[in-house]
Amino acid sequence: MALAIAVVFGVVIGSFLNVVIRRLPEGNSIIRPRSHCPNCKRLIRWYDNVPILSYFLLGGRCRQCNRKISIRYPLVEALSGIVGLLMYDKFGLGIEWVIFFSFSAALIVLAFIDLDHRILPDPITLNGIWVGILASVYLAQPSSLAVRLLRTIGLETTNSRVIALTASLLGVFIGGGLLWGVGEAYFRLRGIEGMGFGDVKMMAMVGALLGAPLALLTILIGSLLGVVIGLLYIRVAGKSRQYELPFGTFLAAAGIVVVLYGDEFINWYIDRIIQPSL
């Protein structure tokens, strides 16, 4: 039952994420008006607005105007449901699931908005920073690697909330600061902007909740995804090297992967690679 709740709730939230993805970049309310066809603007009846199912029952077309509806809508809903399932598998159905699923949902929205518009809206990234800090302190569960890192800079305390707050703030400055430094260096060397400030704020949001080590892992995985997928797309689509890749999309995907598997990867890397070499 708990598994079904996680999946169904994830799919339903995915329907709302579609609304946010479409309306937020245009500065429109994400609450009013009710869901409507993007083509004819007529309101969608409740029985035509069942996530995933209605799309296929209607043959991917609006009941009113018969125009095609983008396949992205059920894909985002399905993606959100899958993320809800994976978060349940890792955290169970409790407060941790709520926090990390909400964080992942925000990353899904950022990924698709950046893909469409090459922007990462401040209402999500900036609010995500302070919400991430509060959530981190509330959970008071900094990773073992974060604790090691804090000890190396001289923080010796047994207060888990102090450790969590320090780790979160350090994650904000390192996660956002690293990208800012890379972007600034690129601008000074090449004279052109190589990274938007939205990416910096987004990584500060990631660091606020996940801490510095996992924020760095997010940047690493996101960069690898950007290089492999981005360069492949540029070649296949015949784009020039000046084509602006949606780096935030790759970082968002990496952030979800790190939430699910980041701690395990880092612990494996330390146990199997670092420690044997010492």
Protein backbone atom coordinates (compact mmCIF):
# COMPACT_ATOMS: atom_id res chain seq x y z
CA MET A 1 0.00 0.00 0.00
CA ALA A 2 2.79 2.44 0.90
CA LEU A 3 4.53 1.67 -2.39
CA ALA A 4 1.33 2.35 -4.34
CA ILE A 5 0.84 5.64 -2.48
CA ALA A 6 4.38 6.74 -3.33
CA VAL A 7 3.93 5.96 -7.02
CA VAL A 8 0.42 7.39 -7.39
CA PHE A 9 1.33 10.53 -5.47
CA GLY A 10 4.43 10.90 -7.62
CA VAL A 11 2.39 10.65 -10.82
CA VAL A 12 -0.18 13.16 -9.57
CA ILE A 13 2.55 15.61 -8.59
CA GLY A 14 4.05 15.07 -12.03
CA SER A 15 0.83 16.44 -13.53
CA PHE A 16 1.30 19.59 -11.45
CA LEU A 17 4.95 19.79 -12.49
CA ASN A 18 3.79 20.02 -16.12
CA VAL A 19 1.80 23.12 -15.18
CA VAL A 20 4.80 24.70 -13.45
CA ILE A 21 7.12 23.89 -16.37
CA ARG A 22 4.78 25.57 -18.83
CA ARG A 23 3.63 28.59 -16.84
CA LEU A 24 6.50 29.67 -14.58
CA PRO A 25 8.86 30.88 -17.36
CA GLU A 26 6.02 32.96 -18.81
CA GLY A 27 5.32 34.62 -15.46
CA ASN A 28 1.81 33.14 -15.24
CA SER A 29 0.09 31.83 -12.14
CA ILE A 30 0.63 28.13 -11.53
CA ILE A 31 -2.75 27.91 -9.77
CA ARG A 32 -5.21 29.82 -11.96
CA PRO A 33 -6.74 29.27 -14.42
CA ARG A 34 -7.40 25.56 -14.21
CA SER A 35 -5.68 23.18 -16.59
CA HIS A 36 -6.59 23.94 -20.18
CA CYS A 37 -5.61 22.86 -23.68
CA PRO A 38 -2.48 24.74 -24.81
CA ASN A 39 -4.02 25.03 -28.30
CA CYS A 40 -7.69 25.96 -27.98
CA LYS A 41 -7.40 27.25 -24.37
CA ARG A 42 -10.58 25.43 -23.28
CA LEU A 43 -10.66 24.02 -19.76
CA ILE A 44 -9.89 20.31 -19.47
CA ARG A 45 -12.61 18.27 -17.77
CA TRP A 46 -11.55 16.25 -14.74
CA TYR A 47 -12.03 12.92 -16.50
CA ASP A 48 -9.74 14.10 -19.29
CA ASN A 49 -7.08 15.14 -16.81
CA VAL A 50 -6.20 11.80 -15.19
CA PRO A 51 -2.38 11.57 -15.27
CA ILE A 52 -0.95 9.34 -18.03
CA LEU A 53 -4.20 7.42 -18.55
CA SER A 54 -6.21 10.26 -20.12
CA TYR A 55 -3.49 11.01 -22.64
CA PHE A 56 -3.64 7.52 -24.11
CA LEU A 57 -7.43 7.20 -23.87
CA LEU A 58 -7.71 10.41 -25.91
CA GLY A 59 -5.08 9.25 -28.38
CA GLY A 60 -2.80 12.14 -27.45
CA ARG A 61 -5.32 14.71 -28.70
CA CYS A 62 -7.54 17.37 -27.14
CA ARG A 63 -11.18 16.28 -26.93
CA GLN A 64 -12.31 19.79 -27.89
CA CYS A 65 -10.09 20.82 -30.82
CA ASN A 66 -8.53 17.45 -31.74
CA ARG A 67 -5.07 19.01 -31.85
CA LYS A 68 -2.11 16.90 -30.73
CA ILE A 69 -0.89 17.22 -27.17
CA SER A 70 2.82 16.85 -26.51
CA ILE A 71 4.00 13.41 -25.38
CA ARG A 72 6.06 15.25 -22.79
CA TYR A 73 3.04 15.55 -20.47
CA PRO A 74 2.67 11.82 -19.72
CA LEU A 75 6.46 11.40 -19.81
CA VAL A 76 6.94 13.97 -17.02
CA GLU A 77 4.13 12.32 -15.03
CA ALA A 78 5.71 8.88 -15.50
CA LEU A 79 9.16 10.23 -14.61
CA SER A 80 7.78 11.76 -11.43
CA GLY A 81 6.12 8.46 -10.53
CA ILE A 82 9.36 6.54 -11.11
CA VAL A 83 11.26 9.01 -8.92
CA GLY A 84 8.61 8.57 -6.24
CA LEU A 85 9.10 4.80 -6.45
CA LEU A 86 12.89 5.04 -6.24
CA MET A 87 12.70 7.45 -3.30
CA TYR A 88 10.39 5.02 -1.52
CA ASP A 89 12.86 2.20 -2.13
CA LYS A 90 15.61 4.28 -0.51
CA PHE A 91 13.82 6.17 2.28
CA GLY A 92 10.50 4.44 2.84
CA LEU A 93 7.33 6.52 3.07
CA GLY A 94 8.02 9.18 5.67
CA ILE A 95 9.40 12.67 6.12
CA GLU A 96 12.61 11.83 4.28
CA TRP A 97 10.59 10.71 1.28
CA VAL A 98 8.65 13.98 1.34
CA ILE A 99 11.80 16.10 1.53
CA PHE A 100 13.87 14.31 -1.09
CA PHE A 101 10.96 13.72 -3.46
CA SER A 102 10.10 17.44 -3.26
CA PHE A 103 13.73 18.27 -3.96
CA SER A 104 13.76 15.92 -6.94
CA ALA A 105 10.47 17.36 -8.22
CA ALA A 106 12.04 20.83 -8.16
CA LEU A 107 15.00 19.47 -10.14
CA ILE A 108 12.65 17.94 -12.72
CA VAL A 109 10.99 21.34 -13.21
CA LEU A 110 14.36 23.08 -13.51
CA ALA A 111 15.59 20.46 -15.99
CA PHE A 112 12.71 20.95 -18.42
CA ILE A 113 12.56 24.73 -18.07
CA ASP A 114 16.27 24.98 -18.80
CA LEU A 115 15.83 22.63 -21.74
CA ASP A 116 13.10 24.87 -23.19
CA HIS A 117 14.22 28.37 -22.23
CA ARG A 118 17.83 28.16 -20.99
CA ILE A 119 16.81 29.71 -17.67
CA LEU A 120 16.61 28.42 -14.10
CA PRO A 121 13.92 30.47 -12.32
CA ASP A 122 14.87 32.22 -9.09
CA PRO A 123 11.61 31.31 -7.31
CA ILE A 124 12.82 27.71 -7.30
CA THR A 125 16.60 28.06 -6.92
CA LEU A 126 16.73 30.87 -4.36
CA ASN A 127 13.86 29.54 -2.25
CA GLY A 128 15.40 26.10 -2.61
CA ILE A 129 18.56 27.31 -0.87
CA TRP A 130 16.95 28.33 2.41
CA VAL A 131 14.46 25.45 2.31
CA GLY A 132 17.39 23.07 1.77
CA ILE A 133 19.23 24.53 4.76
CA LEU A 134 16.16 24.16 6.99
CA ALA A 135 15.50 20.62 5.77
CA SER A 136 19.13 19.64 6.32
CA VAL A 137 19.07 20.96 9.89
CA TYR A 138 15.71 19.30 10.55
CA LEU A 139 16.96 15.91 9.33
CA ALA A 140 20.30 16.39 11.11
CA GLN A 141 21.78 13.50 9.15
CA PRO A 142 24.98 14.77 7.50
CA SER A 143 26.84 12.13 5.55
CA SER A 144 29.87 10.47 7.11
CA LEU A 145 32.05 12.11 4.47
CA ALA A 146 30.65 15.53 5.40
CA VAL A 147 31.51 14.86 9.05
CA ARG A 148 35.07 13.94 8.04
CA LEU A 149 35.32 17.10 5.99
CA LEU A 150 34.16 19.27 8.89
CA ARG A 151 36.67 17.65 11.21
CA THR A 152 39.48 18.45 8.81
CA ILE A 153 38.60 22.15 9.06
CA GLY A 154 38.60 21.98 12.85
CA LEU A 155 34.91 21.56 13.71
CA GLU A 156 34.69 19.19 16.68
CA THR A 157 31.17 18.90 18.07
CA THR A 158 28.68 16.15 18.83
CA ASN A 159 25.63 18.36 18.17
CA SER A 160 24.13 16.82 15.05
CA ARG A 161 22.16 19.95 14.16
CA VAL A 162 25.24 22.16 14.34
CA ILE A 163 27.09 19.69 12.13
CA ALA A 164 24.16 19.60 9.69
CA LEU A 165 23.91 23.41 9.55
CA THR A 166 27.64 23.80 8.98
CA ALA A 167 27.67 21.08 6.34
CA SER A 168 24.70 22.70 4.60
CA LEU A 169 26.25 26.18 4.54
CA LEU A 170 29.53 24.72 3.34
CA GLY A 171 27.59 22.93 0.60
CA VAL A 172 26.02 26.22 -0.49
CA PHE A 173 29.36 27.99 -0.80
CA ILE A 174 31.25 25.11 -2.37
CA GLY A 175 28.46 23.92 -4.67
CA GLY A 176 27.63 27.39 -5.97
CA GLY A 177 31.11 28.83 -5.54
CA LEU A 178 32.85 26.22 -7.65
CA LEU A 179 30.58 26.84 -10.63
CA TRP A 180 30.87 30.59 -10.17
CA GLY A 181 34.68 30.31 -10.16
CA VAL A 182 34.72 28.16 -13.30
CA GLY A 183 32.34 30.52 -15.09
CA GLU A 184 34.31 33.59 -14.06
CA ALA A 185 37.60 32.04 -15.16
CA TYR A 186 36.11 31.09 -18.54
CA PHE A 187 34.77 34.62 -19.02
CA ARG A 188 38.14 36.19 -18.25
CA LEU A 189 40.01 33.78 -20.52
CA ARG A 190 37.61 33.71 -23.47
CA GLY A 191 35.75 36.99 -23.06
CA ILE A 192 32.36 35.26 -23.36
CA GLU A 193 29.96 33.94 -20.75
CA GLY A 194 30.33 30.17 -20.50
CA MET A 195 27.92 29.54 -17.65
CA GLY A 196 24.76 31.27 -16.50
CA PHE A 197 24.37 32.44 -12.93
CA GLY A 198 21.25 30.30 -12.70
CA ASP A 199 23.49 27.22 -12.66
CA VAL A 200 25.38 28.71 -9.72
CA LYS A 201 22.20 29.30 -7.72
CA MET A 202 20.94 25.84 -8.60
CA MET A 203 24.10 24.18 -7.31
CA ALA A 204 23.91 26.29 -4.15
CA MET A 205 20.42 24.81 -3.69
CA VAL A 206 21.79 21.30 -4.21
CA GLY A 207 24.63 21.91 -1.77
CA ALA A 208 22.23 23.30 0.85
CA LEU A 209 20.40 19.98 1.14
CA LEU A 210 23.05 17.44 0.17
CA GLY A 211 26.23 19.06 1.51
CA ALA A 212 29.55 19.81 -0.19
CA PRO A 213 30.76 16.27 -1.08
CA LEU A 214 27.52 15.31 -2.82
CA ALA A 215 27.28 18.72 -4.50
CA LEU A 216 30.73 18.16 -5.99
CA LEU A 217 29.67 14.69 -7.14
CA THR A 218 26.59 16.27 -8.76
CA ILE A 219 28.80 18.69 -10.69
CA LEU A 220 31.07 15.83 -11.78
CA ILE A 221 28.22 13.63 -13.02
CA GLY A 222 26.40 16.58 -14.60
CA SER A 223 29.55 17.62 -16.45
CA LEU A 224 30.09 14.07 -17.76
CA LEU A 225 26.49 13.91 -18.94
CA GLY A 226 26.87 17.30 -20.60
CA VAL A 227 30.02 16.26 -22.43
CA VAL A 228 28.75 12.88 -23.63
CA ILE A 229 25.11 13.70 -24.42
CA GLY A 230 25.71 17.32 -25.39
CA LEU A 231 28.52 16.65 -27.84
CA LEU A 232 26.61 13.71 -29.30
CA TYR A 233 23.56 15.92 -29.85
CA ILE A 234 25.66 18.68 -31.41
CA ARG A 235 27.14 16.21 -33.85
CA VAL A 236 23.88 14.47 -34.75
CA ALA A 237 21.88 17.71 -35.04
CA GLY A 238 24.62 19.49 -36.95
CA LYS A 239 24.93 22.32 -34.42
CA SER A 240 28.01 24.52 -34.14
CA ARG A 241 30.38 24.46 -31.18
CA GLN A 242 28.82 27.75 -30.04
CA TYR A 243 25.49 26.00 -29.41
CA GLU A 244 24.30 26.70 -25.86
CA LEU A 245 23.76 23.44 -24.01
CA PRO A 246 21.24 23.34 -21.14
CA PHE A 247 23.81 22.57 -18.44
CA GLY A 248 21.15 22.93 -15.76
CA THR A 249 19.28 19.99 -17.28
CA PHE A 250 22.29 17.74 -16.88
CA LEU A 251 22.96 19.00 -13.34
CA ALA A 252 19.33 18.34 -12.39
CA ALA A 253 19.50 14.77 -13.67
CA ALA A 254 22.77 14.29 -11.80
CA GLY A 255 21.24 15.71 -8.61
CA ILE A 256 18.48 13.08 -8.60
CA VAL A 257 21.01 10.30 -9.24
CA VAL A 258 23.17 11.58 -6.37
CA VAL A 259 20.23 11.67 -3.96
CA LEU A 260 19.59 8.01 -4.74
CA TYR A 261 23.10 6.62 -5.03
CA GLY A 262 25.61 9.33 -4.09
CA ASP A 263 26.48 8.18 -0.57
CA GLU A 264 26.95 4.60 -1.73
CA PHE A 265 29.21 5.67 -4.58
CA ILE A 266 31.40 7.88 -2.41
CA ASN A 267 31.73 5.22 0.31
CA TRP A 268 32.60 2.62 -2.35
CA TYR A 269 35.19 4.97 -3.85
CA ILE A 270 36.81 5.62 -0.47
CA ASP A 271 36.80 1.95 0.60
CA ARG A 272 37.92 0.46 -2.74
CA ILE A 273 40.11 3.18 -4.29
CA ILE A 274 41.36 5.65 -1.68
CA GLN A 275 42.04 3.53 1.40
CA PRO A 276 43.88 0.66 -0.41
CA SER A 277 46.23 3.20 -1.95
CA LEU A 278 47.16 4.76 1.40
